[in-house]
Structures are given as structure tokens and as C-alpha cells.
Full PDB file with SEQRES, HELIX, SHEET, SSBOND, CRYST1, ORIGX, SCALE, CONECT and MASTER records, all heavy atoms in Angstrom:
SEQRES   1 A   34  ASN GLY ALA PHE PRO ARG GLU MET ALA ARG HIS GLU ARG          
SEQRES   2 A   34  ALA ILE HIS TYR GLN ALA PHE ALA LEU GLN PRO LEU VAL          
SEQRES   3 A   34  PRO LEU ALA GLU PHE VAL THR ARG                              
HELIX    1 AA1 PRO A    5  MET A    8  1                                   4    
HELIX    2 AA2 HIS A   11  ARG A   13  5                                   3    
HELIX    3 AA3 ALA A   14  THR A   33  1                                  20    
CRYST1    1.000    1.000    1.000  90.00  90.00  90.00 P 1           1          
ORIGX1      1.000000  0.000000  0.000000        0.00000                         
ORIGX2      0.000000  1.000000  0.000000        0.00000                         
ORIGX3      0.000000  0.000000  1.000000        0.00000                         
SCALE1      1.000000  0.000000  0.000000        0.00000                         
SCALE2      0.000000  1.000000  0.000000        0.00000                         
SCALE3      0.000000  0.000000  1.000000        0.00000                         
ATOM      1  N   ASN A   1    -196.980-190.235-112.596  1.00  0.00           N  
ATOM      2  CA  ASN A   1    -198.052-189.360-112.127  1.00  0.00           C  
ATOM      3  C   ASN A   1    -198.069-189.210-110.602  1.00  0.00           C  
ATOM      4  O   ASN A   1    -198.779-188.339-110.069  1.00  0.00           O  
ATOM      5  CB  ASN A   1    -199.418-189.974-112.537  1.00  0.00           C  
ATOM      6  CG  ASN A   1    -199.559-189.978-114.075  1.00  0.00           C  
ATOM      7  OD1 ASN A   1    -199.259-188.986-114.745  1.00  0.00           O  
ATOM      8  ND2 ASN A   1    -200.092-191.067-114.594  1.00  0.00           N  
ATOM      9  N   GLY A   2    -197.299-190.048-109.946  1.00  0.00           N  
ATOM     10  CA  GLY A   2    -197.277-190.028-108.472  1.00  0.00           C  
ATOM     11  C   GLY A   2    -198.097-191.115-107.840  1.00  0.00           C  
ATOM     12  O   GLY A   2    -198.322-191.129-106.649  1.00  0.00           O  
ATOM     13  N   ALA A   3    -198.613-192.021-108.697  1.00  0.00           N  
ATOM     14  CA  ALA A   3    -199.422-193.123-108.204  1.00  0.00           C  
ATOM     15  C   ALA A   3    -198.658-194.347-107.863  1.00  0.00           C  
ATOM     16  O   ALA A   3    -197.521-194.632-108.383  1.00  0.00           O  
ATOM     17  CB  ALA A   3    -200.482-193.473-109.268  1.00  0.00           C  
ATOM     18  N   PHE A   4    -199.190-195.155-106.903  1.00  0.00           N  
ATOM     19  CA  PHE A   4    -198.641-196.467-106.602  1.00  0.00           C  
ATOM     20  C   PHE A   4    -199.363-197.497-107.528  1.00  0.00           C  
ATOM     21  O   PHE A   4    -200.532-197.744-107.333  1.00  0.00           O  
ATOM     22  CB  PHE A   4    -198.862-196.830-105.166  1.00  0.00           C  
ATOM     23  CG  PHE A   4    -198.066-196.001-104.193  1.00  0.00           C  
ATOM     24  CD1 PHE A   4    -198.751-194.958-103.470  1.00  0.00           C  
ATOM     25  CD2 PHE A   4    -196.760-196.259-103.954  1.00  0.00           C  
ATOM     26  CE1 PHE A   4    -198.021-194.196-102.576  1.00  0.00           C  
ATOM     27  CE2 PHE A   4    -196.037-195.462-103.045  1.00  0.00           C  
ATOM     28  CZ  PHE A   4    -196.665-194.442-102.384  1.00  0.00           C  
ATOM     29  N   PRO A   5    -198.716-198.031-108.507  1.00  0.00           N  
ATOM     30  CA  PRO A   5    -199.370-198.937-109.492  1.00  0.00           C  
ATOM     31  C   PRO A   5    -200.122-200.155-108.889  1.00  0.00           C  
ATOM     32  O   PRO A   5    -201.243-200.459-109.325  1.00  0.00           O  
ATOM     33  CB  PRO A   5    -198.251-199.414-110.363  1.00  0.00           C  
ATOM     34  CG  PRO A   5    -197.264-198.305-110.330  1.00  0.00           C  
ATOM     35  CD  PRO A   5    -197.294-197.820-108.893  1.00  0.00           C  
ATOM     36  N   ARG A   6    -199.544-200.741-107.840  1.00  0.00           N  
ATOM     37  CA  ARG A   6    -200.237-201.850-107.226  1.00  0.00           C  
ATOM     38  C   ARG A   6    -201.530-201.441-106.548  1.00  0.00           C  
ATOM     39  O   ARG A   6    -202.494-202.202-106.461  1.00  0.00           O  
ATOM     40  CB  ARG A   6    -199.337-202.559-106.222  1.00  0.00           C  
ATOM     41  CG  ARG A   6    -198.109-203.202-106.891  1.00  0.00           C  
ATOM     42  CD  ARG A   6    -197.117-203.779-105.794  1.00  0.00           C  
ATOM     43  NE  ARG A   6    -195.867-204.069-106.353  1.00  0.00           N  
ATOM     44  CZ  ARG A   6    -195.373-205.312-106.539  1.00  0.00           C  
ATOM     45  NH1 ARG A   6    -196.160-206.377-106.200  1.00  0.00           N  
ATOM     46  NH2 ARG A   6    -194.215-205.551-107.022  1.00  0.00           N  
ATOM     47  N   GLU A   7    -201.590-200.231-106.028  1.00  0.00           N  
ATOM     48  CA  GLU A   7    -202.773-199.771-105.380  1.00  0.00           C  
ATOM     49  C   GLU A   7    -203.816-199.291-106.484  1.00  0.00           C  
ATOM     50  O   GLU A   7    -204.945-199.352-106.255  1.00  0.00           O  
ATOM     51  CB  GLU A   7    -202.461-198.603-104.446  1.00  0.00           C  
ATOM     52  CG  GLU A   7    -201.367-198.856-103.430  1.00  0.00           C  
ATOM     53  CD  GLU A   7    -201.517-200.163-102.573  1.00  0.00           C  
ATOM     54  OE1 GLU A   7    -202.663-200.616-102.446  1.00  0.00           O  
ATOM     55  OE2 GLU A   7    -200.540-200.629-102.108  1.00  0.00           O  
ATOM     56  N   MET A   8    -203.306-198.869-107.592  1.00  0.00           N  
ATOM     57  CA  MET A   8    -204.214-198.494-108.693  1.00  0.00           C  
ATOM     58  C   MET A   8    -204.923-199.676-109.261  1.00  0.00           C  
ATOM     59  O   MET A   8    -205.952-199.519-110.008  1.00  0.00           O  
ATOM     60  CB  MET A   8    -203.422-197.744-109.767  1.00  0.00           C  
ATOM     61  CG  MET A   8    -202.808-196.454-109.418  1.00  0.00           C  
ATOM     62  SD  MET A   8    -204.075-195.203-108.994  1.00  0.00           S  
ATOM     63  CE  MET A   8    -203.965-195.187-107.198  1.00  0.00           C  
ATOM     64  N   ALA A   9    -204.483-200.880-108.936  1.00  0.00           N  
ATOM     65  CA  ALA A   9    -205.187-202.074-109.429  1.00  0.00           C  
ATOM     66  C   ALA A   9    -206.414-202.409-108.584  1.00  0.00           C  
ATOM     67  O   ALA A   9    -206.967-203.549-108.728  1.00  0.00           O  
ATOM     68  CB  ALA A   9    -204.245-203.237-109.459  1.00  0.00           C  
ATOM     69  N   ARG A  10    -206.781-201.537-107.640  1.00  0.00           N  
ATOM     70  CA  ARG A  10    -207.893-201.854-106.716  1.00  0.00           C  
ATOM     71  C   ARG A  10    -209.245-201.402-107.208  1.00  0.00           C  
ATOM     72  O   ARG A  10    -210.183-201.219-106.467  1.00  0.00           O  
ATOM     73  CB  ARG A  10    -207.603-201.140-105.380  1.00  0.00           C  
ATOM     74  CG  ARG A  10    -206.361-201.652-104.687  1.00  0.00           C  
ATOM     75  CD  ARG A  10    -206.439-203.029-104.172  1.00  0.00           C  
ATOM     76  NE  ARG A  10    -205.364-203.422-103.336  1.00  0.00           N  
ATOM     77  CZ  ARG A  10    -205.436-204.165-102.248  1.00  0.00           C  
ATOM     78  NH1 ARG A  10    -206.644-204.606-101.841  1.00  0.00           N  
ATOM     79  NH2 ARG A  10    -204.362-204.475-101.535  1.00  0.00           N  
ATOM     80  N   HIS A  11    -209.382-201.218-108.536  1.00  0.00           N  
ATOM     81  CA  HIS A  11    -210.637-200.967-109.166  1.00  0.00           C  
ATOM     82  C   HIS A  11    -211.269-199.689-108.620  1.00  0.00           C  
ATOM     83  O   HIS A  11    -210.651-198.623-108.625  1.00  0.00           O  
ATOM     84  CB  HIS A  11    -211.560-202.156-109.103  1.00  0.00           C  
ATOM     85  CG  HIS A  11    -210.922-203.416-109.684  1.00  0.00           C  
ATOM     86  ND1 HIS A  11    -210.748-203.598-111.055  1.00  0.00           N  
ATOM     87  CD2 HIS A  11    -210.383-204.520-109.043  1.00  0.00           C  
ATOM     88  CE1 HIS A  11    -210.085-204.769-111.265  1.00  0.00           C  
ATOM     89  NE2 HIS A  11    -209.889-205.305-110.091  1.00  0.00           N  
ATOM     90  N   GLU A  12    -212.530-199.826-108.091  1.00  0.00           N  
ATOM     91  CA  GLU A  12    -213.237-198.666-107.591  1.00  0.00           C  
ATOM     92  C   GLU A  12    -212.642-198.068-106.324  1.00  0.00           C  
ATOM     93  O   GLU A  12    -213.007-196.970-105.932  1.00  0.00           O  
ATOM     94  CB  GLU A  12    -214.704-198.985-107.364  1.00  0.00           C  
ATOM     95  CG  GLU A  12    -215.016-199.851-106.183  1.00  0.00           C  
ATOM     96  CD  GLU A  12    -214.888-201.352-106.529  1.00  0.00           C  
ATOM     97  OE1 GLU A  12    -214.451-201.661-107.647  1.00  0.00           O  
ATOM     98  OE2 GLU A  12    -215.099-202.106-105.570  1.00  0.00           O  
ATOM     99  N   ARG A  13    -211.695-198.775-105.737  1.00  0.00           N  
ATOM    100  CA  ARG A  13    -211.048-198.335-104.530  1.00  0.00           C  
ATOM    101  C   ARG A  13    -209.642-197.815-104.760  1.00  0.00           C  
ATOM    102  O   ARG A  13    -208.817-197.616-103.826  1.00  0.00           O  
ATOM    103  CB  ARG A  13    -211.029-199.487-103.512  1.00  0.00           C  
ATOM    104  CG  ARG A  13    -212.380-200.011-103.096  1.00  0.00           C  
ATOM    105  CD  ARG A  13    -213.120-199.124-102.201  1.00  0.00           C  
ATOM    106  NE  ARG A  13    -212.645-199.154-100.810  1.00  0.00           N  
ATOM    107  CZ  ARG A  13    -213.021-198.357 -99.918  1.00  0.00           C  
ATOM    108  NH1 ARG A  13    -213.885-197.379-100.214  1.00  0.00           N  
ATOM    109  NH2 ARG A  13    -212.574-198.484 -98.674  1.00  0.00           N  
ATOM    110  N   ALA A  14    -209.267-197.580-105.979  1.00  0.00           N  
ATOM    111  CA  ALA A  14    -207.905-197.207-106.322  1.00  0.00           C  
ATOM    112  C   ALA A  14    -207.411-195.973-105.590  1.00  0.00           C  
ATOM    113  O   ALA A  14    -206.341-196.013-104.920  1.00  0.00           O  
ATOM    114  CB  ALA A  14    -207.742-197.026-107.851  1.00  0.00           C  
ATOM    115  N   ILE A  15    -208.170-194.883-105.623  1.00  0.00           N  
ATOM    116  CA  ILE A  15    -207.724-193.715-104.978  1.00  0.00           C  
ATOM    117  C   ILE A  15    -207.716-193.866-103.405  1.00  0.00           C  
ATOM    118  O   ILE A  15    -206.876-193.315-102.769  1.00  0.00           O  
ATOM    119  CB  ILE A  15    -208.577-192.471-105.401  1.00  0.00           C  
ATOM    120  CG1 ILE A  15    -207.975-191.123-104.917  1.00  0.00           C  
ATOM    121  CG2 ILE A  15    -209.965-192.629-104.868  1.00  0.00           C  
ATOM    122  CD1 ILE A  15    -206.608-190.887-105.542  1.00  0.00           C  
ATOM    123  N   HIS A  16    -208.676-194.629-102.926  1.00  0.00           N  
ATOM    124  CA  HIS A  16    -208.629-194.934-101.485  1.00  0.00           C  
ATOM    125  C   HIS A  16    -207.365-195.623-101.087  1.00  0.00           C  
ATOM    126  O   HIS A  16    -206.809-195.385-100.035  1.00  0.00           O  
ATOM    127  CB  HIS A  16    -209.914-195.779-101.125  1.00  0.00           C  
ATOM    128  CG  HIS A  16    -209.932-196.185 -99.656  1.00  0.00           C  
ATOM    129  ND1 HIS A  16    -210.387-195.409 -98.700  1.00  0.00           N  
ATOM    130  CD2 HIS A  16    -209.531-197.364 -99.131  1.00  0.00           C  
ATOM    131  CE1 HIS A  16    -210.263-196.025 -97.557  1.00  0.00           C  
ATOM    132  NE2 HIS A  16    -209.798-197.226 -97.757  1.00  0.00           N  
ATOM    133  N   TYR A  17    -206.962-196.618-101.926  1.00  0.00           N  
ATOM    134  CA  TYR A  17    -205.745-197.353-101.550  1.00  0.00           C  
ATOM    135  C   TYR A  17    -204.487-196.574-101.778  1.00  0.00           C  
ATOM    136  O   TYR A  17    -203.437-196.883-101.154  1.00  0.00           O  
ATOM    137  CB  TYR A  17    -205.720-198.685-102.374  1.00  0.00           C  
ATOM    138  CG  TYR A  17    -206.437-199.768-101.566  1.00  0.00           C  
ATOM    139  CD1 TYR A  17    -207.799-199.926-101.812  1.00  0.00           C  
ATOM    140  CD2 TYR A  17    -205.794-200.519-100.637  1.00  0.00           C  
ATOM    141  CE1 TYR A  17    -208.485-200.956-101.050  1.00  0.00           C  
ATOM    142  CE2 TYR A  17    -206.467-201.478 -99.891  1.00  0.00           C  
ATOM    143  CZ  TYR A  17    -207.827-201.708-100.105  1.00  0.00           C  
ATOM    144  OH  TYR A  17    -208.515-202.632 -99.408  1.00  0.00           O  
ATOM    145  N   GLN A  18    -204.570-195.555-102.628  1.00  0.00           N  
ATOM    146  CA  GLN A  18    -203.403-194.626-102.663  1.00  0.00           C  
ATOM    147  C   GLN A  18    -203.176-193.968-101.282  1.00  0.00           C  
ATOM    148  O   GLN A  18    -202.133-193.864-100.790  1.00  0.00           O  
ATOM    149  CB  GLN A  18    -203.651-193.527-103.736  1.00  0.00           C  
ATOM    150  CG  GLN A  18    -202.599-192.430-103.800  1.00  0.00           C  
ATOM    151  CD  GLN A  18    -201.390-192.757-104.606  1.00  0.00           C  
ATOM    152  OE1 GLN A  18    -201.338-193.898-105.237  1.00  0.00           O  
ATOM    153  NE2 GLN A  18    -200.382-191.900-104.656  1.00  0.00           N  
ATOM    154  N   ALA A  19    -204.277-193.555-100.696  1.00  0.00           N  
ATOM    155  CA  ALA A  19    -204.269-192.963 -99.353  1.00  0.00           C  
ATOM    156  C   ALA A  19    -203.766-194.038 -98.295  1.00  0.00           C  
ATOM    157  O   ALA A  19    -203.037-193.680 -97.418  1.00  0.00           O  
ATOM    158  CB  ALA A  19    -205.621-192.447 -98.998  1.00  0.00           C  
ATOM    159  N   PHE A  20    -204.235-195.213 -98.495  1.00  0.00           N  
ATOM    160  CA  PHE A  20    -203.926-196.287 -97.579  1.00  0.00           C  
ATOM    161  C   PHE A  20    -202.428-196.592 -97.587  1.00  0.00           C  
ATOM    162  O   PHE A  20    -201.810-196.904 -96.519  1.00  0.00           O  
ATOM    163  CB  PHE A  20    -204.755-197.525 -97.799  1.00  0.00           C  
ATOM    164  CG  PHE A  20    -204.985-198.424 -96.683  1.00  0.00           C  
ATOM    165  CD1 PHE A  20    -205.259-197.914 -95.418  1.00  0.00           C  
ATOM    166  CD2 PHE A  20    -204.825-199.816 -96.806  1.00  0.00           C  
ATOM    167  CE1 PHE A  20    -205.453-198.778 -94.313  1.00  0.00           C  
ATOM    168  CE2 PHE A  20    -205.074-200.642 -95.747  1.00  0.00           C  
ATOM    169  CZ  PHE A  20    -205.331-200.154 -94.490  1.00  0.00           C  
ATOM    170  N   ALA A  21    -201.880-196.558 -98.774  1.00  0.00           N  
ATOM    171  CA  ALA A  21    -200.400-196.809 -98.884  1.00  0.00           C  
ATOM    172  C   ALA A  21    -199.606-195.709 -98.185  1.00  0.00           C  
ATOM    173  O   ALA A  21    -198.547-195.919 -97.646  1.00  0.00           O  
ATOM    174  CB  ALA A  21    -200.019-196.977-100.377  1.00  0.00           C  
ATOM    175  N   LEU A  22    -200.071-194.492 -98.312  1.00  0.00           N  
ATOM    176  CA  LEU A  22    -199.391-193.330 -97.715  1.00  0.00           C  
ATOM    177  C   LEU A  22    -199.476-193.351 -96.182  1.00  0.00           C  
ATOM    178  O   LEU A  22    -198.671-192.691 -95.517  1.00  0.00           O  
ATOM    179  CB  LEU A  22    -199.948-192.054 -98.321  1.00  0.00           C  
ATOM    180  CG  LEU A  22    -199.501-191.702 -99.729  1.00  0.00           C  
ATOM    181  CD1 LEU A  22    -200.393-190.630-100.321  1.00  0.00           C  
ATOM    182  CD2 LEU A  22    -198.054-191.318 -99.763  1.00  0.00           C  
ATOM    183  N   GLN A  23    -200.564-193.941 -95.614  1.00  0.00           N  
ATOM    184  CA  GLN A  23    -200.758-193.869 -94.199  1.00  0.00           C  
ATOM    185  C   GLN A  23    -199.582-194.345 -93.371  1.00  0.00           C  
ATOM    186  O   GLN A  23    -199.138-193.700 -92.410  1.00  0.00           O  
ATOM    187  CB  GLN A  23    -202.032-194.646 -93.798  1.00  0.00           C  
ATOM    188  CG  GLN A  23    -202.446-194.395 -92.360  1.00  0.00           C  
ATOM    189  CD  GLN A  23    -203.744-195.028 -92.048  1.00  0.00           C  
ATOM    190  OE1 GLN A  23    -203.879-195.799 -91.064  1.00  0.00           O  
ATOM    191  NE2 GLN A  23    -204.824-194.682 -92.755  1.00  0.00           N  
ATOM    192  N   PRO A  24    -198.879-195.485 -93.761  1.00  0.00           N  
ATOM    193  CA  PRO A  24    -197.682-195.871 -93.006  1.00  0.00           C  
ATOM    194  C   PRO A  24    -196.428-195.172 -93.507  1.00  0.00           C  
ATOM    195  O   PRO A  24    -195.466-194.985 -92.736  1.00  0.00           O  
ATOM    196  CB  PRO A  24    -197.590-197.360 -93.252  1.00  0.00           C  
ATOM    197  CG  PRO A  24    -198.261-197.530 -94.589  1.00  0.00           C  
ATOM    198  CD  PRO A  24    -199.339-196.558 -94.627  1.00  0.00           C  
ATOM    199  N   LEU A  25    -196.418-194.784 -94.759  1.00  0.00           N  
ATOM    200  CA  LEU A  25    -195.158-194.225 -95.364  1.00  0.00           C  
ATOM    201  C   LEU A  25    -194.794-192.851 -94.789  1.00  0.00           C  
ATOM    202  O   LEU A  25    -193.578-192.612 -94.554  1.00  0.00           O  
ATOM    203  CB  LEU A  25    -195.234-194.172 -96.840  1.00  0.00           C  
ATOM    204  CG  LEU A  25    -195.239-195.531 -97.565  1.00  0.00           C  
ATOM    205  CD1 LEU A  25    -195.467-195.300 -99.081  1.00  0.00           C  
ATOM    206  CD2 LEU A  25    -193.988-196.339 -97.274  1.00  0.00           C  
ATOM    207  N   VAL A  26    -195.805-192.022 -94.503  1.00  0.00           N  
ATOM    208  CA  VAL A  26    -195.458-190.708 -94.024  1.00  0.00           C  
ATOM    209  C   VAL A  26    -194.917-190.766 -92.565  1.00  0.00           C  
ATOM    210  O   VAL A  26    -193.867-190.196 -92.332  1.00  0.00           O  
ATOM    211  CB  VAL A  26    -196.747-189.728 -94.058  1.00  0.00           C  
ATOM    212  CG1 VAL A  26    -196.354-188.386 -93.430  1.00  0.00           C  
ATOM    213  CG2 VAL A  26    -197.157-189.562 -95.422  1.00  0.00           C  
ATOM    214  N   PRO A  27    -195.581-191.459 -91.611  1.00  0.00           N  
ATOM    215  CA  PRO A  27    -194.969-191.556 -90.303  1.00  0.00           C  
ATOM    216  C   PRO A  27    -193.602-192.262 -90.325  1.00  0.00           C  
ATOM    217  O   PRO A  27    -192.721-191.990 -89.494  1.00  0.00           O  
ATOM    218  CB  PRO A  27    -196.012-192.289 -89.461  1.00  0.00           C  
ATOM    219  CG  PRO A  27    -196.943-192.925 -90.440  1.00  0.00           C  
ATOM    220  CD  PRO A  27    -196.926-192.059 -91.672  1.00  0.00           C  
ATOM    221  N   LEU A  28    -193.469-193.244 -91.217  1.00  0.00           N  
ATOM    222  CA  LEU A  28    -192.144-193.864 -91.347  1.00  0.00           C  
ATOM    223  C   LEU A  28    -191.030-192.872 -91.688  1.00  0.00           C  
ATOM    224  O   LEU A  28    -189.952-192.870 -91.053  1.00  0.00           O  
ATOM    225  CB  LEU A  28    -192.238-195.021 -92.407  1.00  0.00           C  
ATOM    226  CG  LEU A  28    -191.153-196.110 -92.393  1.00  0.00           C  
ATOM    227  CD1 LEU A  28    -191.670-197.340 -93.060  1.00  0.00           C  
ATOM    228  CD2 LEU A  28    -189.858-195.645 -93.020  1.00  0.00           C  
ATOM    229  N   ALA A  29    -191.320-192.014 -92.662  1.00  0.00           N  
ATOM    230  CA  ALA A  29    -190.396-190.977 -93.008  1.00  0.00           C  
ATOM    231  C   ALA A  29    -190.121-190.052 -91.891  1.00  0.00           C  
ATOM    232  O   ALA A  29    -189.020-189.617 -91.615  1.00  0.00           O  
ATOM    233  CB  ALA A  29    -190.866-190.232 -94.227  1.00  0.00           C  
ATOM    234  N   GLU A  30    -191.188-189.725 -91.097  1.00  0.00           N  
ATOM    235  CA  GLU A  30    -191.039-188.854 -89.987  1.00  0.00           C  
ATOM    236  C   GLU A  30    -190.177-189.461 -88.852  1.00  0.00           C  
ATOM    237  O   GLU A  30    -189.351-188.788 -88.290  1.00  0.00           O  
ATOM    238  CB  GLU A  30    -192.395-188.555 -89.447  1.00  0.00           C  
ATOM    239  CG  GLU A  30    -192.432-187.562 -88.238  1.00  0.00           C  
ATOM    240  CD  GLU A  30    -191.908-186.130 -88.615  1.00  0.00           C  
ATOM    241  OE1 GLU A  30    -191.998-185.730 -89.813  1.00  0.00           O  
ATOM    242  OE2 GLU A  30    -191.403-185.467 -87.680  1.00  0.00           O  
ATOM    243  N   PHE A  31    -190.364-190.772 -88.572  1.00  0.00           N  
ATOM    244  CA  PHE A  31    -189.583-191.460 -87.590  1.00  0.00           C  
ATOM    245  C   PHE A  31    -188.131-191.383 -87.954  1.00  0.00           C  
ATOM    246  O   PHE A  31    -187.248-191.039 -87.086  1.00  0.00           O  
ATOM    247  CB  PHE A  31    -189.937-192.922 -87.532  1.00  0.00           C  
ATOM    248  CG  PHE A  31    -190.898-193.349 -86.374  1.00  0.00           C  
ATOM    249  CD1 PHE A  31    -192.135-193.846 -86.637  1.00  0.00           C  
ATOM    250  CD2 PHE A  31    -190.467-193.184 -85.096  1.00  0.00           C  
ATOM    251  CE1 PHE A  31    -192.974-194.151 -85.572  1.00  0.00           C  
ATOM    252  CE2 PHE A  31    -191.281-193.560 -84.023  1.00  0.00           C  
ATOM    253  CZ  PHE A  31    -192.574-194.038 -84.272  1.00  0.00           C  
ATOM    254  N   VAL A  32    -187.761-191.627 -89.199  1.00  0.00           N  
ATOM    255  CA  VAL A  32    -186.329-191.743 -89.557  1.00  0.00           C  
ATOM    256  C   VAL A  32    -185.748-190.324 -89.592  1.00  0.00           C  
ATOM    257  O   VAL A  32    -184.585-190.122 -89.196  1.00  0.00           O  
ATOM    258  CB  VAL A  32    -186.208-192.443 -90.921  1.00  0.00           C  
ATOM    259  CG1 VAL A  32    -184.749-192.373 -91.419  1.00  0.00           C  
ATOM    260  CG2 VAL A  32    -186.667-193.875 -90.839  1.00  0.00           C  
ATOM    261  N   THR A  33    -186.577-189.343 -90.038  1.00  0.00           N  
ATOM    262  CA  THR A  33    -186.037-188.005 -90.017  1.00  0.00           C  
ATOM    263  C   THR A  33    -185.735-187.479 -88.618  1.00  0.00           C  
ATOM    264  O   THR A  33    -184.750-186.802 -88.433  1.00  0.00           O  
ATOM    265  CB  THR A  33    -187.098-187.049 -90.731  1.00  0.00           C  
ATOM    266  OG1 THR A  33    -187.294-187.512 -92.090  1.00  0.00           O  
ATOM    267  CG2 THR A  33    -186.592-185.620 -90.781  1.00  0.00           C  
ATOM    268  N   ARG A  34    -186.570-187.896 -87.713  1.00  0.00           N  
ATOM    269  CA  ARG A  34    -186.270-187.556 -86.290  1.00  0.00           C  
ATOM    270  C   ARG A  34    -185.019-188.217 -85.679  1.00  0.00           C  
ATOM    271  O   ARG A  34    -184.560-187.757 -84.696  1.00  0.00           O  
ATOM    272  CB  ARG A  34    -187.524-187.887 -85.404  1.00  0.00           C  
ATOM    273  CG  ARG A  34    -188.735-187.004 -85.707  1.00  0.00           C  
ATOM    274  CD  ARG A  34    -189.796-187.157 -84.683  1.00  0.00           C  
ATOM    275  NE  ARG A  34    -190.983-186.394 -84.987  1.00  0.00           N  
ATOM    276  CZ  ARG A  34    -191.912-186.030 -84.125  1.00  0.00           C  
ATOM    277  NH1 ARG A  34    -191.749-186.362 -82.856  1.00  0.00           N  
ATOM    278  NH2 ARG A  34    -192.977-185.331 -84.462  1.00  0.00           N  
TER     279      ARG A  34                                                      
MASTER        0    0    0    3    0    0    0    6  278    1    0    3          
END                                                                             
């Protein structure tokens, strides 16, 4: 589905932690692409 299973285990904060996992991953991809 596009979800991070470990972040989905955060109960009422699951969707919030999906965003939290993406926060470092996007700039990481940007750094390497540059």
C-alpha cells in the first residue's frame, strides 16, 4: 500500500509516523541525487 509497517504499529499516531519516517528519507535521497 506504500506504508511503513513499523510506523503503522503506532496506533492512533500511525499516519503521523508515516510522515515522520519520510522526513529524513526525502532529504537523504536529495543529498545522494545531488
